[in-house]
Amino acid sequence: MSESLDRKNQLDIVEVRGDLKLLSERLDVIKNNDLVHIQKGVDGINKILWAVGLLLLGQVAFAVKTALWS
């Protein structure tokens, strides 16, 4: 009886170890692949926001210049 229980416990341990390895691989994929793509998207949005901000600053500067010297 105890031999079959030991064998079942060993099989359960092997199964848990396999699940842990699979989870570790999936975390690596998320960390190394998915997060890189998300970061590239955020960087693109950041560049667009800076460009829009600079354009708005230019428009405000032009409006101030026109209002003061015209």
PDB file of N, CA and C in Angstrom:
ATOM      1  N   MET A   1       0.819  -1.192   0.000  1.00  0.00           N
ATOM      2  CA  MET A   1       0.000   0.000   0.000  1.00  0.00           C
ATOM      3  C   MET A   1       0.864   1.257   0.000  1.00  0.00           C
ATOM      4  N   SER A   2       1.899   1.270   0.836  1.00  0.00           N
ATOM      5  CA  SER A   2       2.720   2.472   0.930  1.00  0.00           C
ATOM      6  C   SER A   2       3.558   2.655  -0.329  1.00  0.00           C
ATOM      7  N   GLU A   3       3.901   1.554  -1.022  1.00  0.00           N
ATOM      8  CA  GLU A   3       4.670   1.668  -2.266  1.00  0.00           C
ATOM      9  C   GLU A   3       3.852   2.366  -3.347  1.00  0.00           C
ATOM     10  N   SER A   4       2.586   2.051  -3.433  1.00  0.00           N
ATOM     11  CA  SER A   4       1.744   2.700  -4.440  1.00  0.00           C
ATOM     12  C   SER A   4       1.528   4.170  -4.096  1.00  0.00           C
ATOM     13  N   LEU A   5       1.453   4.476  -2.819  1.00  0.00           N
ATOM     14  CA  LEU A   5       1.312   5.866  -2.387  1.00  0.00           C
ATOM     15  C   LEU A   5       2.591   6.642  -2.678  1.00  0.00           C
ATOM     16  N   ASP A   6       3.744   6.024  -2.434  1.00  0.00           N
ATOM     17  CA  ASP A   6       5.021   6.669  -2.762  1.00  0.00           C
ATOM     18  C   ASP A   6       5.128   6.918  -4.254  1.00  0.00           C
ATOM     19  N   ARG A   7       4.744   5.952  -5.039  1.00  0.00           N
ATOM     20  CA  ARG A   7       4.797   6.094  -6.508  1.00  0.00           C
ATOM     21  C   ARG A   7       3.877   7.218  -6.970  1.00  0.00           C
ATOM     22  N   LYS A   8       2.667   7.287  -6.390  1.00  0.00           N
ATOM     23  CA  LYS A   8       1.727   8.344  -6.752  1.00  0.00           C
ATOM     24  C   LYS A   8       2.293   9.709  -6.365  1.00  0.00           C
ATOM     25  N   ASN A   9       2.912   9.810  -5.201  1.00  0.00           N
ATOM     26  CA  ASN A   9       3.513  11.073  -4.760  1.00  0.00           C
ATOM     27  C   ASN A   9       4.646  11.487  -5.689  1.00  0.00           C
ATOM     28  N   GLN A  10       5.459  10.520  -6.116  1.00  0.00           N
ATOM     29  CA  GLN A  10       6.545  10.825  -7.037  1.00  0.00           C
ATOM     30  C   GLN A  10       6.001  11.337  -8.371  1.00  0.00           C
ATOM     31  N   LEU A  11       4.946  10.710  -8.864  1.00  0.00           N
ATOM     32  CA  LEU A  11       4.333  11.162 -10.122  1.00  0.00           C
ATOM     33  C   LEU A  11       3.741  12.558  -9.976  1.00  0.00           C
ATOM     34  N   ASP A  12       3.136  12.826  -8.832  1.00  0.00           N
ATOM     35  CA  ASP A  12       2.585  14.162  -8.589  1.00  0.00           C
ATOM     36  C   ASP A  12       3.694  15.209  -8.538  1.00  0.00           C
ATOM     37  N   ILE A  13       4.816  14.869  -7.935  1.00  0.00           N
ATOM     38  CA  ILE A  13       5.945  15.801  -7.861  1.00  0.00           C
ATOM     39  C   ILE A  13       6.484  16.086  -9.255  1.00  0.00           C
ATOM     40  N   VAL A  14       6.605  15.053 -10.068  1.00  0.00           N
ATOM     41  CA  VAL A  14       7.077  15.237 -11.444  1.00  0.00           C
ATOM     42  C   VAL A  14       6.110  16.125 -12.220  1.00  0.00           C
ATOM     43  N   GLU A  15       4.827  15.924 -12.019  1.00  0.00           N
ATOM     44  CA  GLU A  15       3.825  16.740 -12.710  1.00  0.00           C
ATOM     45  C   GLU A  15       3.920  18.208 -12.278  1.00  0.00           C
ATOM     46  N   VAL A  16       4.081  18.441 -10.990  1.00  0.00           N
ATOM     47  CA  VAL A  16       4.198  19.811 -10.477  1.00  0.00           C
ATOM     48  C   VAL A  16       5.458  20.470 -11.021  1.00  0.00           C
ATOM     49  N   ARG A  17       6.554  19.737 -11.062  1.00  0.00           N
ATOM     50  CA  ARG A  17       7.800  20.294 -11.613  1.00  0.00           C
ATOM     51  C   ARG A  17       7.628  20.665 -13.084  1.00  0.00           C
ATOM     52  N   GLY A  18       6.931  19.815 -13.830  1.00  0.00           N
ATOM     53  CA  GLY A  18       6.671  20.133 -15.237  1.00  0.00           C
ATOM     54  C   GLY A  18       5.828  21.385 -15.385  1.00  0.00           C
ATOM     55  N   ASP A  19       4.818  21.521 -14.530  1.00  0.00           N
ATOM     56  CA  ASP A  19       3.981  22.720 -14.573  1.00  0.00           C
ATOM     57  C   ASP A  19       4.787  23.965 -14.240  1.00  0.00           C
ATOM     58  N   LEU A  20       5.701  23.856 -13.271  1.00  0.00           N
ATOM     59  CA  LEU A  20       6.540  24.996 -12.903  1.00  0.00           C
ATOM     60  C   LEU A  20       7.469  25.392 -14.045  1.00  0.00           C
ATOM     61  N   LYS A  21       8.014  24.420 -14.747  1.00  0.00           N
ATOM     62  CA  LYS A  21       8.880  24.718 -15.888  1.00  0.00           C
ATOM     63  C   LYS A  21       8.088  25.409 -16.986  1.00  0.00           C
ATOM     64  N   LEU A  22       6.872  24.943 -17.238  1.00  0.00           N
ATOM     65  CA  LEU A  22       6.016  25.554 -18.255  1.00  0.00           C
ATOM     66  C   LEU A  22       5.679  26.995 -17.879  1.00  0.00           C
ATOM     67  N   LEU A  23       5.343  27.231 -16.628  1.00  0.00           N
ATOM     68  CA  LEU A  23       5.048  28.588 -16.171  1.00  0.00           C
ATOM     69  C   LEU A  23       6.275  29.488 -16.291  1.00  0.00           C
ATOM     70  N   SER A  24       7.438  28.942 -15.978  1.00  0.00           N
ATOM     71  CA  SER A  24       8.668  29.716 -16.094  1.00  0.00           C
ATOM     72  C   SER A  24       8.922  30.109 -17.549  1.00  0.00           C
ATOM     73  N   GLU A  25       8.719  29.191 -18.468  1.00  0.00           N
ATOM     74  CA  GLU A  25       8.898  29.496 -19.890  1.00  0.00           C
ATOM     75  C   GLU A  25       7.910  30.559 -20.355  1.00  0.00           C
ATOM     76  N   ARG A  26       6.679  30.454 -19.924  1.00  0.00           N
ATOM     77  CA  ARG A  26       5.667  31.439 -20.329  1.00  0.00           C
ATOM     78  C   ARG A  26       5.986  32.824 -19.763  1.00  0.00           C
ATOM     79  N   LEU A  27       6.483  32.880 -18.536  1.00  0.00           N
ATOM     80  CA  LEU A  27       6.884  34.165 -17.965  1.00  0.00           C
ATOM     81  C   LEU A  27       8.038  34.774 -18.749  1.00  0.00           C
ATOM     82  N   ASP A  28       8.978  33.939 -19.184  1.00  0.00           N
ATOM     83  CA  ASP A  28      10.087  34.443 -20.000  1.00  0.00           C
ATOM     84  C   ASP A  28       9.588  35.010 -21.314  1.00  0.00           C
ATOM     85  N   VAL A  29       8.621  34.346 -21.939  1.00  0.00           N
ATOM     86  CA  VAL A  29       8.064  34.839 -23.199  1.00  0.00           C
ATOM     87  C   VAL A  29       7.385  36.180 -22.986  1.00  0.00           C
ATOM     88  N   ILE A  30       6.621  36.286 -21.922  1.00  0.00           N
ATOM     89  CA  ILE A  30       5.940  37.556 -21.636  1.00  0.00           C
ATOM     90  C   ILE A  30       6.966  38.645 -21.370  1.00  0.00           C
ATOM     91  N   LYS A  31       7.981  38.333 -20.576  1.00  0.00           N
ATOM     92  CA  LYS A  31       8.984  39.330 -20.204  1.00  0.00           C
ATOM     93  C   LYS A  31       9.810  39.761 -21.403  1.00  0.00           C
ATOM     94  N   ASN A  32      10.229  38.831 -22.213  1.00  0.00           N
ATOM     95  CA  ASN A  32      11.163  39.135 -23.289  1.00  0.00           C
ATOM     96  C   ASN A  32      10.497  39.523 -24.600  1.00  0.00           C
ATOM     97  N   ASN A  33       9.267  39.163 -24.807  1.00  0.00           N
ATOM     98  CA  ASN A  33       8.635  39.420 -26.094  1.00  0.00           C
ATOM     99  C   ASN A  33       7.490  40.420 -25.969  1.00  0.00           C
ATOM    100  N   ASP A  34       6.505  40.086 -25.199  1.00  0.00           N
ATOM    101  CA  ASP A  34       5.307  40.910 -25.117  1.00  0.00           C
ATOM    102  C   ASP A  34       5.605  42.280 -24.515  1.00  0.00           C
ATOM    103  N   LEU A  35       6.392  42.329 -23.463  1.00  0.00           N
ATOM    104  CA  LEU A  35       6.692  43.605 -22.830  1.00  0.00           C
ATOM    105  C   LEU A  35       7.519  44.506 -23.737  1.00  0.00           C
ATOM    106  N   VAL A  36       8.357  43.910 -24.584  1.00  0.00           N
ATOM    107  CA  VAL A  36       9.142  44.707 -25.525  1.00  0.00           C
ATOM    108  C   VAL A  36       8.209  45.386 -26.527  1.00  0.00           C
ATOM    109  N   HIS A  37       7.224  44.643 -27.015  1.00  0.00           N
ATOM    110  CA  HIS A  37       6.282  45.231 -27.971  1.00  0.00           C
ATOM    111  C   HIS A  37       5.440  46.324 -27.324  1.00  0.00           C
ATOM    112  N   ILE A  38       5.026  46.106 -26.097  1.00  0.00           N
ATOM    113  CA  ILE A  38       4.248  47.118 -25.385  1.00  0.00           C
ATOM    114  C   ILE A  38       5.107  48.367 -25.175  1.00  0.00           C
ATOM    115  N   GLN A  39       6.373  48.176 -24.811  1.00  0.00           N
ATOM    116  CA  GLN A  39       7.271  49.314 -24.601  1.00  0.00           C
ATOM    117  C   GLN A  39       7.462  50.103 -25.888  1.00  0.00           C
ATOM    118  N   LYS A  40       7.581  49.426 -27.025  1.00  0.00           N
ATOM    119  CA  LYS A  40       7.719  50.123 -28.304  1.00  0.00           C
ATOM    120  C   LYS A  40       6.478  50.957 -28.596  1.00  0.00           C
ATOM    121  N   GLY A  41       5.296  50.416 -28.298  1.00  0.00           N
ATOM    122  CA  GLY A  41       4.066  51.169 -28.493  1.00  0.00           C
ATOM    123  C   GLY A  41       3.999  52.398 -27.606  1.00  0.00           C
ATOM    124  N   VAL A  42       4.383  52.243 -26.364  1.00  0.00           N
ATOM    125  CA  VAL A  42       4.376  53.376 -25.438  1.00  0.00           C
ATOM    126  C   VAL A  42       5.384  54.431 -25.891  1.00  0.00           C
ATOM    127  N   ASP A  43       6.546  53.992 -26.364  1.00  0.00           N
ATOM    128  CA  ASP A  43       7.550  54.944 -26.847  1.00  0.00           C
ATOM    129  C   ASP A  43       7.026  55.729 -28.048  1.00  0.00           C
ATOM    130  N   GLY A  44       6.304  55.064 -28.942  1.00  0.00           N
ATOM    131  CA  GLY A  44       5.727  55.749 -30.093  1.00  0.00           C
ATOM    132  C   GLY A  44       4.705  56.787 -29.674  1.00  0.00           C
ATOM    133  N   ILE A  45       3.858  56.431 -28.730  1.00  0.00           N
ATOM    134  CA  ILE A  45       2.861  57.378 -28.227  1.00  0.00           C
ATOM    135  C   ILE A  45       3.551  58.556 -27.548  1.00  0.00           C
ATOM    136  N   ASN A  46       4.619  58.284 -26.819  1.00  0.00           N
ATOM    137  CA  ASN A  46       5.368  59.340 -26.146  1.00  0.00           C
ATOM    138  C   ASN A  46       5.948  60.328 -27.164  1.00  0.00           C
ATOM    139  N   LYS A  47       6.500  59.821 -28.252  1.00  0.00           N
ATOM    140  CA  LYS A  47       7.053  60.692 -29.292  1.00  0.00           C
ATOM    141  C   LYS A  47       5.961  61.558 -29.917  1.00  0.00           C
ATOM    142  N   ILE A  48       4.805  60.969 -30.161  1.00  0.00           N
ATOM    143  CA  ILE A  48       3.693  61.729 -30.736  1.00  0.00           C
ATOM    144  C   ILE A  48       3.251  62.836 -29.785  1.00  0.00           C
ATOM    145  N   LEU A  49       3.160  62.528 -28.503  1.00  0.00           N
ATOM    146  CA  LEU A  49       2.761  63.541 -27.531  1.00  0.00           C
ATOM    147  C   LEU A  49       3.770  64.679 -27.461  1.00  0.00           C
ATOM    148  N   TRP A  50       5.064  64.385 -27.520  1.00  0.00           N
ATOM    149  CA  TRP A  50       6.081  65.443 -27.529  1.00  0.00           C
ATOM    150  C   TRP A  50       5.941  66.306 -28.776  1.00  0.00           C
ATOM    151  N   ALA A  51       5.700  65.679 -29.912  1.00  0.00           N
ATOM    152  CA  ALA A  51       5.562  66.447 -31.158  1.00  0.00           C
ATOM    153  C   ALA A  51       4.351  67.375 -31.085  1.00  0.00           C
ATOM    154  N   VAL A  52       3.236  66.868 -30.604  1.00  0.00           N
ATOM    155  CA  VAL A  52       2.032  67.695 -30.476  1.00  0.00           C
ATOM    156  C   VAL A  52       2.278  68.827 -29.480  1.00  0.00           C
ATOM    157  N   GLY A  53       2.963  68.527 -28.389  1.00  0.00           N
ATOM    158  CA  GLY A  53       3.268  69.561 -27.397  1.00  0.00           C
ATOM    159  C   GLY A  53       4.138  70.659 -27.977  1.00  0.00           C
ATOM    160  N   LEU A  54       5.134  70.281 -28.760  1.00  0.00           N
ATOM    161  CA  LEU A  54       5.997  71.289 -29.381  1.00  0.00           C
ATOM    162  C   LEU A  54       5.228  72.133 -30.403  1.00  0.00           C
ATOM    163  N   LEU A  55       4.348  71.493 -31.157  1.00  0.00           N
ATOM    164  CA  LEU A  55       3.530  72.249 -32.109  1.00  0.00           C
ATOM    165  C   LEU A  55       2.626  73.242 -31.385  1.00  0.00           C
ATOM    166  N   LEU A  56       2.030  72.801 -30.292  1.00  0.00           N
ATOM    167  CA  LEU A  56       1.174  73.703 -29.513  1.00  0.00           C
ATOM    168  C   LEU A  56       1.990  74.854 -28.923  1.00  0.00           C
ATOM    169  N   LEU A  57       3.171  74.567 -28.435  1.00  0.00           N
ATOM    170  CA  LEU A  57       4.032  75.610 -27.898  1.00  0.00           C
ATOM    171  C   LEU A  57       4.390  76.621 -28.984  1.00  0.00           C
ATOM    172  N   GLY A  58       4.660  76.145 -30.176  1.00  0.00           N
ATOM    173  CA  GLY A  58       4.945  77.043 -31.293  1.00  0.00           C
ATOM    174  C   GLY A  58       3.758  77.918 -31.633  1.00  0.00           C
ATOM    175  N   GLN A  59       2.576  77.353 -31.617  1.00  0.00           N
ATOM    176  CA  GLN A  59       1.371  78.125 -31.906  1.00  0.00           C
ATOM    177  C   GLN A  59       1.127  79.193 -30.842  1.00  0.00           C
ATOM    178  N   VAL A  60       1.348  78.836 -29.578  1.00  0.00           N
ATOM    179  CA  VAL A  60       1.165  79.800 -28.492  1.00  0.00           C
ATOM    180  C   VAL A  60       2.197  80.911 -28.615  1.00  0.00           C
ATOM    181  N   ALA A  61       3.445  80.556 -28.912  1.00  0.00           N
ATOM    182  CA  ALA A  61       4.483  81.571 -29.074  1.00  0.00           C
ATOM    183  C   ALA A  61       4.153  82.503 -30.237  1.00  0.00           C
ATOM    184  N   PHE A  62       3.662  81.974 -31.329  1.00  0.00           N
ATOM    185  CA  PHE A  62       3.288  82.795 -32.472  1.00  0.00           C
ATOM    186  C   PHE A  62       2.117  83.718 -32.119  1.00  0.00           C
ATOM    187  N   ALA A  63       1.139  83.191 -31.365  1.00  0.00           N
ATOM    188  CA  ALA A  63      -0.004  83.997 -30.966  1.00  0.00           C
ATOM    189  C   ALA A  63       0.434  85.138 -30.041  1.00  0.00           C
ATOM    190  N   VAL A  64       1.325  84.861 -29.112  1.00  0.00           N
ATOM    191  CA  VAL A  64       1.829  85.893 -28.217  1.00  0.00           C
ATOM    192  C   VAL A  64       2.601  86.941 -28.989  1.00  0.00           C
ATOM    193  N   LYS A  65       3.447  86.511 -29.903  1.00  0.00           N
ATOM    194  CA  LYS A  65       4.235  87.426 -30.723  1.00  0.00           C
ATOM    195  C   LYS A  65       3.300  88.322 -31.554  1.00  0.00           C
ATOM    196  N   THR A  66       2.298  87.708 -32.139  1.00  0.00           N
ATOM    197  CA  THR A  66       1.346  88.477 -32.964  1.00  0.00           C
ATOM    198  C   THR A  66       0.565  89.464 -32.111  1.00  0.00           C
ATOM    199  N   ALA A  67       0.170  89.046 -30.910  1.00  0.00           N
ATOM    200  CA  ALA A  67      -0.622  89.929 -30.052  1.00  0.00           C
ATOM    201  C   ALA A  67       0.213  91.084 -29.515  1.00  0.00           C
ATOM    202  N   LEU A  68       1.465  90.874 -29.238  1.00  0.00           N
ATOM    203  CA  LEU A  68       2.293  91.910 -28.642  1.00  0.00           C
ATOM    204  C   LEU A  68       2.871  92.882 -29.668  1.00  0.00           C
ATOM    205  N   TRP A  69       3.215  92.434 -30.842  1.00  0.00           N
ATOM    206  CA  TRP A  69       3.916  93.286 -31.811  1.00  0.00           C
ATOM    207  C   TRP A  69       3.076  93.654 -33.040  1.00  0.00           C
ATOM    208  N   SER A  70       1.812  93.430 -32.991  1.00  0.00           N
ATOM    209  CA  SER A  70       0.977  93.824 -34.126  1.00  0.00           C
ATOM    210  C   SER A  70       0.066  94.982 -33.817  1.00  0.00           C
TER     211      SER A  70
END
